[in-house]
Protein backbone atom coordinates (compact mmCIF):
# COMPACT_ATOMS: atom_id res chain seq x y z
CA MET A 1 0.09 -0.27 -0.02
CA LYS A 2 1.53 3.40 -0.67
CA PRO A 3 1.99 5.51 2.03
CA LEU A 4 0.09 9.03 2.73
CA ASN A 5 1.69 12.14 1.45
CA TRP A 6 2.41 14.61 4.08
CA LYS A 7 1.96 17.94 2.06
CA ILE A 8 -1.44 16.43 0.55
CA MET A 9 -2.97 15.46 4.00
CA THR A 10 -1.86 18.76 5.29
CA SER A 11 -3.31 20.65 2.34
CA SER A 12 -6.56 18.51 2.48
CA LEU A 13 -7.34 18.84 6.39
CA GLY A 14 -6.68 22.50 6.39
CA THR A 15 -8.93 23.31 3.37
CA PHE A 16 -11.61 20.76 4.76
CA GLY A 17 -11.28 23.04 8.22
CA ALA A 18 -11.25 26.21 6.52
CA VAL A 19 -14.58 24.98 4.56
CA ILE A 20 -16.16 23.44 8.07
CA TYR A 21 -15.66 27.43 9.49
CA VAL A 22 -17.41 28.80 6.74
CA ALA A 23 -20.49 26.51 6.87
CA CYS A 24 -20.45 27.60 10.52
CA ILE A 25 -20.57 31.04 10.11
CA VAL A 26 -23.00 30.95 7.59
CA TYR A 27 -25.23 28.87 9.71
CA GLY A 28 -24.90 31.03 12.48
CA LEU A 29 -25.97 33.95 10.42
CA LEU A 30 -28.85 32.28 8.97
CA ALA A 31 -29.88 30.67 12.25
CA PRO A 32 -28.57 33.08 14.81
CA GLU A 33 -30.94 31.16 17.46
CA GLY A 34 -29.84 27.87 16.51
CA LEU A 35 -27.07 25.62 18.11
CA HIS A 36 -24.99 28.53 19.26
CA ALA A 37 -22.67 28.70 16.39
CA PRO A 38 -20.98 32.22 17.62
CA GLN A 39 -20.48 30.96 21.26
CA LEU A 40 -18.65 28.12 19.91
CA LEU A 41 -16.52 29.97 17.67
CA GLU A 42 -15.43 32.28 20.25
CA THR A 43 -14.66 29.34 22.17
CA VAL A 44 -12.74 27.41 20.57
CA LEU A 45 -10.73 30.40 18.22
CA PRO A 46 -8.43 32.31 20.26
CA GLY A 47 -9.23 35.89 19.30
CA PHE A 48 -12.18 35.03 17.64
CA ARG A 49 -15.26 37.62 18.26
CA TRP A 50 -18.50 37.28 16.60
CA LEU A 51 -18.50 38.67 13.68
CA SER A 52 -16.00 41.03 12.23
CA LEU A 53 -14.27 41.00 8.96
CA GLY A 54 -10.87 41.01 10.47
CA SER A 55 -12.41 37.93 12.92
CA PHE A 56 -13.63 36.51 10.23
CA PHE A 57 -10.21 35.86 8.41
CA LEU A 58 -8.43 35.30 11.56
CA GLY A 59 -10.89 32.25 12.68
CA LEU A 60 -10.45 31.31 8.54
CA VAL A 61 -6.41 31.10 9.15
CA GLU A 62 -6.78 29.74 12.59
CA THR A 63 -9.15 26.77 11.27
CA PHE A 64 -6.82 26.05 8.31
CA LEU A 65 -3.69 25.88 10.45
CA TYR A 66 -5.74 23.32 13.00
CA GLY A 67 -6.65 21.43 9.92
CA ALA A 68 -3.26 21.51 8.42
CA TYR A 69 -1.62 20.39 12.19
CA ALA A 70 -4.03 17.56 12.39
CA GLY A 71 -2.63 16.31 9.09
CA LEU A 72 0.60 16.96 9.88
CA ILE A 73 0.40 14.68 12.91
CA PHE A 74 -2.15 12.36 11.33
CA THR A 75 0.30 11.23 8.14
CA PRO A 76 3.16 9.94 10.03
CA ILE A 77 1.09 7.91 12.45
CA TYR A 78 -0.95 6.31 9.74
CA ASN A 79 1.92 5.35 7.40
CA TYR A 80 3.42 4.06 10.64
CA PHE A 81 0.40 1.80 11.46
CA SER A 82 0.11 1.17 7.65
CA ARG A 83 3.48 -0.43 7.20
CA ARG A 84 3.49 -2.02 10.15
CA TRP A 85 -0.03 -4.12 9.82
CA THR A 86 -0.14 -4.33 6.05
CA ARG A 87 2.91 -6.34 5.28
């Protein structure tokens, strides 16, 4: 089995995080009384405050970096176990 490429995984998970973040922002704007998206984002993202343009872009960068970090950590762990268990 071919090992995962860390560049592809970090980019993919970073982009996934950014897309989910934008979806949460849109949901929070469309259903402000819903599942409390603003409070969740303010809790999880340091420096984020609902909702200004600067805060939106700060949150976008933070979620991309969180996703990229997850990909950077996940890829070698996956590759290690993949090599070990698929011989």
